[in-house]
Amino acid sequence: PLDKRTHRKFRPVHNEDAAPADDSIRVISYNVLGPWQALTDKHNYTSSKYRTWSYRKDRILDELKSFNADIICLQEVTPETFSEDFSPALAALGLELAREVGLLHAQVLGLVGR
């Protein structure tokens, strides 16, 4: 179903009619599209104004917060954006850095959880 907050379509992995179990967890996997990657010609179908990190970061953080996730996996996050933007904002929600894994040059996979 289409989520009215984010205008995204989500695929549930449980029976939508069943109430969530008390011991359930919510896991989000999110491709951030790193600050430099967003500005490449590969993404020039969108105005560069909307691809700048200063425009996108607060919107991404607001969306992540709205999911109320127990575990968040982030892809295409630079070490700088992870430590300067994501870690402090997600820590304020009670999420802690569980692991930071170097994947490619100047990219990390960030995993945070409660």
N, C-alpha and C. Protein backbone atom coordinates (compact mmCIF):
# COMPACT_ATOMS: atom_id res chain seq x y z
N PRO A 1 0.82 -1.20 0.00
CA PRO A 1 0.00 0.00 0.00
C PRO A 1 0.86 1.27 0.00
N LEU A 2 0.32 2.34 -0.53
CA LEU A 2 1.04 3.61 -0.61
C LEU A 2 1.02 4.31 0.74
N ASP A 3 2.18 4.67 1.24
CA ASP A 3 2.30 5.39 2.50
C ASP A 3 2.03 6.86 2.23
N LYS A 4 1.07 7.45 2.92
CA LYS A 4 0.68 8.84 2.66
C LYS A 4 1.73 9.85 3.11
N ARG A 5 2.56 9.48 4.09
CA ARG A 5 3.60 10.41 4.55
C ARG A 5 4.73 10.53 3.55
N THR A 6 5.14 9.41 2.99
CA THR A 6 6.34 9.40 2.16
C THR A 6 6.04 9.23 0.67
N HIS A 7 4.81 8.92 0.34
CA HIS A 7 4.42 8.66 -1.05
C HIS A 7 5.21 7.50 -1.64
N ARG A 8 5.56 6.55 -0.79
CA ARG A 8 6.27 5.35 -1.23
C ARG A 8 5.37 4.14 -1.05
N LYS A 9 5.64 3.15 -1.83
CA LYS A 9 4.90 1.90 -1.71
C LYS A 9 5.75 0.91 -0.92
N PHE A 10 5.18 0.38 0.15
CA PHE A 10 5.89 -0.57 1.00
C PHE A 10 5.31 -1.96 0.83
N ARG A 11 6.17 -2.93 0.97
CA ARG A 11 5.76 -4.32 0.88
C ARG A 11 5.83 -4.94 2.27
N PRO A 12 4.69 -5.23 2.88
CA PRO A 12 4.72 -5.84 4.21
C PRO A 12 5.25 -7.26 4.14
N VAL A 13 5.94 -7.66 5.19
CA VAL A 13 6.46 -9.02 5.26
C VAL A 13 5.71 -9.83 6.31
N HIS A 14 4.55 -9.34 6.69
CA HIS A 14 3.70 -10.04 7.64
C HIS A 14 2.25 -9.89 7.18
N ASN A 15 1.38 -10.56 7.84
CA ASN A 15 -0.04 -10.47 7.54
C ASN A 15 -0.54 -9.11 8.02
N GLU A 16 -1.01 -8.26 7.09
CA GLU A 16 -1.44 -6.91 7.45
C GLU A 16 -2.62 -6.90 8.41
N ASP A 17 -3.43 -7.96 8.40
CA ASP A 17 -4.60 -8.01 9.27
C ASP A 17 -4.25 -8.41 10.70
N ALA A 18 -3.08 -8.98 10.89
CA ALA A 18 -2.69 -9.44 12.22
C ALA A 18 -2.04 -8.30 12.99
N ALA A 19 -2.30 -8.24 14.27
CA ALA A 19 -1.65 -7.25 15.12
C ALA A 19 -0.18 -7.63 15.29
N PRO A 20 0.71 -6.64 15.31
CA PRO A 20 2.12 -6.98 15.49
C PRO A 20 2.36 -7.62 16.85
N ALA A 21 3.25 -8.58 16.89
CA ALA A 21 3.60 -9.25 18.14
C ALA A 21 4.38 -8.29 19.02
N ASP A 22 4.31 -8.49 20.32
CA ASP A 22 5.04 -7.62 21.25
C ASP A 22 6.54 -7.69 21.04
N ASP A 23 7.01 -8.81 20.51
CA ASP A 23 8.45 -8.96 20.32
C ASP A 23 8.88 -8.68 18.88
N SER A 24 8.04 -8.00 18.12
CA SER A 24 8.38 -7.71 16.73
C SER A 24 9.36 -6.54 16.67
N ILE A 25 10.09 -6.48 15.56
CA ILE A 25 11.01 -5.37 15.34
C ILE A 25 10.73 -4.78 13.96
N ARG A 26 11.05 -3.53 13.82
CA ARG A 26 10.88 -2.84 12.54
C ARG A 26 12.27 -2.54 11.98
N VAL A 27 12.55 -3.07 10.78
CA VAL A 27 13.85 -2.91 10.15
C VAL A 27 13.65 -2.09 8.87
N ILE A 28 14.47 -1.08 8.70
CA ILE A 28 14.42 -0.22 7.51
C ILE A 28 15.77 -0.32 6.80
N SER A 29 15.74 -0.52 5.51
CA SER A 29 16.93 -0.44 4.68
C SER A 29 16.73 0.74 3.74
N TYR A 30 17.67 1.68 3.74
CA TYR A 30 17.47 2.94 3.04
C TYR A 30 18.72 3.32 2.26
N ASN A 31 18.57 3.53 0.97
CA ASN A 31 19.68 4.01 0.14
C ASN A 31 19.63 5.52 0.15
N VAL A 32 20.62 6.13 0.79
CA VAL A 32 20.67 7.56 0.99
C VAL A 32 21.02 8.31 -0.29
N LEU A 33 21.72 7.67 -1.19
CA LEU A 33 22.31 8.31 -2.37
C LEU A 33 23.22 9.42 -1.88
N GLY A 34 24.46 9.04 -1.63
CA GLY A 34 25.44 9.94 -1.03
C GLY A 34 25.52 11.31 -1.68
N PRO A 35 26.05 12.28 -0.92
CA PRO A 35 26.09 13.66 -1.38
C PRO A 35 26.76 13.85 -2.75
N TRP A 36 27.86 13.13 -2.97
CA TRP A 36 28.56 13.30 -4.25
C TRP A 36 27.89 12.50 -5.36
N GLN A 37 27.40 11.33 -5.03
CA GLN A 37 26.75 10.50 -6.04
C GLN A 37 25.52 11.22 -6.63
N ALA A 38 24.81 11.93 -5.79
CA ALA A 38 23.58 12.60 -6.24
C ALA A 38 23.87 13.69 -7.26
N LEU A 39 25.07 14.23 -7.25
CA LEU A 39 25.39 15.34 -8.14
C LEU A 39 26.01 14.90 -9.46
N THR A 40 26.14 13.60 -9.68
CA THR A 40 26.70 13.12 -10.94
C THR A 40 25.68 13.22 -12.06
N ASP A 41 26.16 13.13 -13.28
CA ASP A 41 25.27 13.19 -14.44
C ASP A 41 24.26 12.05 -14.46
N LYS A 42 24.57 10.99 -13.78
CA LYS A 42 23.66 9.84 -13.72
C LYS A 42 22.29 10.24 -13.18
N HIS A 43 22.26 11.27 -12.34
CA HIS A 43 21.01 11.69 -11.71
C HIS A 43 20.55 13.07 -12.18
N ASN A 44 20.98 13.49 -13.37
CA ASN A 44 20.62 14.83 -13.84
C ASN A 44 19.18 14.95 -14.35
N TYR A 45 18.39 13.92 -14.19
CA TYR A 45 16.97 14.00 -14.51
C TYR A 45 16.22 14.86 -13.49
N THR A 46 16.90 15.18 -12.39
CA THR A 46 16.35 16.04 -11.35
C THR A 46 17.23 17.28 -11.24
N SER A 47 16.63 18.42 -11.03
CA SER A 47 17.39 19.66 -10.90
C SER A 47 18.45 19.52 -9.82
N SER A 48 19.63 20.09 -10.05
CA SER A 48 20.72 19.99 -9.08
C SER A 48 20.33 20.64 -7.74
N LYS A 49 19.41 21.58 -7.77
CA LYS A 49 18.93 22.21 -6.53
C LYS A 49 18.39 21.16 -5.56
N TYR A 50 17.69 20.17 -6.08
CA TYR A 50 17.08 19.14 -5.24
C TYR A 50 18.03 17.99 -4.93
N ARG A 51 19.20 17.98 -5.54
CA ARG A 51 20.17 16.91 -5.32
C ARG A 51 21.27 17.29 -4.35
N THR A 52 21.31 18.54 -3.93
CA THR A 52 22.35 18.97 -3.00
C THR A 52 22.10 18.35 -1.63
N TRP A 53 23.18 18.07 -0.91
CA TRP A 53 23.06 17.46 0.41
C TRP A 53 22.33 18.40 1.37
N SER A 54 22.58 19.69 1.26
CA SER A 54 21.92 20.64 2.16
C SER A 54 20.41 20.61 1.99
N TYR A 55 19.92 20.33 0.80
CA TYR A 55 18.48 20.22 0.56
C TYR A 55 17.95 18.87 1.03
N ARG A 56 18.71 17.82 0.82
CA ARG A 56 18.21 16.46 1.03
C ARG A 56 18.35 15.92 2.45
N LYS A 57 19.39 16.30 3.17
CA LYS A 57 19.70 15.61 4.43
C LYS A 57 18.58 15.70 5.47
N ASP A 58 18.01 16.86 5.70
CA ASP A 58 16.94 16.98 6.71
C ASP A 58 15.69 16.22 6.28
N ARG A 59 15.43 16.19 5.00
CA ARG A 59 14.27 15.44 4.49
C ARG A 59 14.47 13.94 4.68
N ILE A 60 15.68 13.48 4.43
CA ILE A 60 15.99 12.06 4.63
C ILE A 60 15.88 11.71 6.11
N LEU A 61 16.45 12.55 6.96
CA LEU A 61 16.39 12.29 8.40
C LEU A 61 14.94 12.30 8.91
N ASP A 62 14.14 13.24 8.43
CA ASP A 62 12.72 13.28 8.83
C ASP A 62 12.00 12.01 8.41
N GLU A 63 12.31 11.54 7.20
CA GLU A 63 11.67 10.32 6.73
C GLU A 63 12.11 9.12 7.56
N LEU A 64 13.40 9.02 7.85
CA LEU A 64 13.89 7.92 8.67
C LEU A 64 13.24 7.94 10.06
N LYS A 65 13.12 9.12 10.65
CA LYS A 65 12.49 9.25 11.96
C LYS A 65 11.03 8.80 11.93
N SER A 66 10.35 9.09 10.83
CA SER A 66 8.92 8.77 10.73
C SER A 66 8.65 7.27 10.71
N PHE A 67 9.66 6.47 10.37
CA PHE A 67 9.47 5.02 10.32
C PHE A 67 9.46 4.37 11.69
N ASN A 68 9.99 5.07 12.70
CA ASN A 68 10.05 4.53 14.07
C ASN A 68 10.67 3.13 14.08
N ALA A 69 11.81 3.01 13.41
CA ALA A 69 12.46 1.71 13.24
C ALA A 69 13.31 1.33 14.45
N ASP A 70 13.45 0.03 14.64
CA ASP A 70 14.36 -0.49 15.66
C ASP A 70 15.77 -0.64 15.11
N ILE A 71 15.86 -0.95 13.83
CA ILE A 71 17.14 -1.11 13.15
C ILE A 71 17.05 -0.38 11.82
N ILE A 72 18.07 0.42 11.53
CA ILE A 72 18.13 1.14 10.26
C ILE A 72 19.44 0.79 9.57
N CYS A 73 19.35 0.32 8.33
CA CYS A 73 20.53 0.05 7.51
C CYS A 73 20.61 1.14 6.46
N LEU A 74 21.75 1.80 6.36
CA LEU A 74 21.93 2.89 5.40
C LEU A 74 22.95 2.49 4.36
N GLN A 75 22.64 2.73 3.11
CA GLN A 75 23.58 2.48 2.02
C GLN A 75 23.98 3.80 1.38
N GLU A 76 25.15 3.82 0.77
CA GLU A 76 25.71 4.98 0.08
C GLU A 76 25.84 6.18 0.99
N VAL A 77 26.31 5.93 2.20
CA VAL A 77 26.56 6.99 3.16
C VAL A 77 28.07 7.21 3.21
N THR A 78 28.50 8.44 3.11
CA THR A 78 29.93 8.69 3.25
C THR A 78 30.30 8.66 4.73
N PRO A 79 31.56 8.41 5.05
CA PRO A 79 31.95 8.43 6.46
C PRO A 79 31.62 9.76 7.13
N GLU A 80 31.78 10.86 6.41
CA GLU A 80 31.50 12.18 6.98
C GLU A 80 30.01 12.36 7.27
N THR A 81 29.16 12.02 6.32
CA THR A 81 27.73 12.21 6.55
C THR A 81 27.22 11.27 7.61
N PHE A 82 27.82 10.08 7.70
CA PHE A 82 27.38 9.15 8.74
C PHE A 82 27.71 9.71 10.12
N SER A 83 28.97 10.16 10.29
CA SER A 83 29.38 10.62 11.62
C SER A 83 28.83 12.00 11.96
N GLU A 84 28.71 12.88 10.98
CA GLU A 84 28.29 14.26 11.25
C GLU A 84 26.78 14.46 11.22
N ASP A 85 26.08 13.72 10.38
CA ASP A 85 24.64 13.94 10.21
C ASP A 85 23.78 12.82 10.79
N PHE A 86 24.07 11.59 10.39
CA PHE A 86 23.19 10.49 10.78
C PHE A 86 23.38 10.05 12.22
N SER A 87 24.62 9.82 12.64
CA SER A 87 24.85 9.32 14.00
C SER A 87 24.23 10.21 15.07
N PRO A 88 24.47 11.54 15.06
CA PRO A 88 23.87 12.37 16.10
C PRO A 88 22.34 12.40 16.04
N ALA A 89 21.79 12.50 14.85
CA ALA A 89 20.33 12.58 14.72
C ALA A 89 19.66 11.29 15.14
N LEU A 90 20.24 10.15 14.78
CA LEU A 90 19.63 8.87 15.13
C LEU A 90 19.89 8.52 16.59
N ALA A 91 21.01 8.97 17.13
CA ALA A 91 21.27 8.75 18.55
C ALA A 91 20.23 9.48 19.40
N ALA A 92 19.78 10.63 18.94
CA ALA A 92 18.75 11.38 19.66
C ALA A 92 17.43 10.61 19.73
N LEU A 93 17.27 9.65 18.83
CA LEU A 93 16.07 8.80 18.83
C LEU A 93 16.27 7.54 19.67
N GLY A 94 17.44 7.40 20.27
CA GLY A 94 17.72 6.22 21.07
C GLY A 94 18.36 5.10 20.27
N LEU A 95 18.77 5.38 19.04
CA LEU A 95 19.44 4.39 18.21
C LEU A 95 20.94 4.53 18.40
N GLU A 96 21.64 3.42 18.41
CA GLU A 96 23.08 3.44 18.61
C GLU A 96 23.77 2.79 17.42
N LEU A 97 24.97 3.27 17.14
CA LEU A 97 25.78 2.68 16.08
C LEU A 97 26.14 1.27 16.47
N ALA A 98 25.74 0.33 15.65
CA ALA A 98 26.08 -1.06 15.91
C ALA A 98 27.33 -1.47 15.14
N ARG A 99 27.44 -0.97 13.92
CA ARG A 99 28.59 -1.37 13.11
C ARG A 99 28.73 -0.40 11.94
N GLU A 100 29.96 -0.13 11.58
CA GLU A 100 30.24 0.69 10.42
C GLU A 100 31.19 -0.11 9.55
N VAL A 101 30.78 -0.42 8.34
CA VAL A 101 31.55 -1.30 7.48
C VAL A 101 31.96 -0.55 6.23
N GLY A 102 33.25 -0.51 5.93
CA GLY A 102 33.72 0.10 4.70
C GLY A 102 33.38 -0.80 3.52
N LEU A 103 32.66 -0.29 2.56
CA LEU A 103 32.28 -1.09 1.39
C LEU A 103 33.14 -0.73 0.19
N LEU A 104 33.10 0.51 -0.19
CA LEU A 104 33.86 1.00 -1.33
C LEU A 104 34.58 2.26 -0.88
N HIS A 105 35.44 2.75 -1.68
CA HIS A 105 36.15 3.98 -1.35
C HIS A 105 35.13 5.08 -1.01
N ALA A 106 35.27 5.68 0.15
CA ALA A 106 34.44 6.80 0.61
C ALA A 106 32.98 6.44 0.79
N GLN A 107 32.67 5.18 1.01
CA GLN A 107 31.30 4.80 1.29
C GLN A 107 31.27 3.87 2.48
N VAL A 108 30.19 3.93 3.25
CA VAL A 108 30.02 3.01 4.36
C VAL A 108 28.60 2.50 4.37
N LEU A 109 28.43 1.40 5.04
CA LEU A 109 27.11 0.90 5.36
C LEU A 109 26.92 1.21 6.83
N GLY A 110 25.93 1.98 7.15
CA GLY A 110 25.68 2.32 8.54
C GLY A 110 24.56 1.46 9.07
N LEU A 111 24.77 0.88 10.23
CA LEU A 111 23.75 0.06 10.86
C LEU A 111 23.56 0.58 12.26
N VAL A 112 22.37 1.02 12.58
CA VAL A 112 22.06 1.52 13.91
C VAL A 112 20.86 0.78 14.45
N GLY A 113 20.80 0.63 15.76
CA GLY A 113 19.67 -0.10 16.35
C GLY A 113 19.45 0.27 17.79
N ARG A 114 18.31 -0.13 18.29
CA ARG A 114 17.95 0.13 19.71
C ARG A 114 18.51 -0.97 20.57
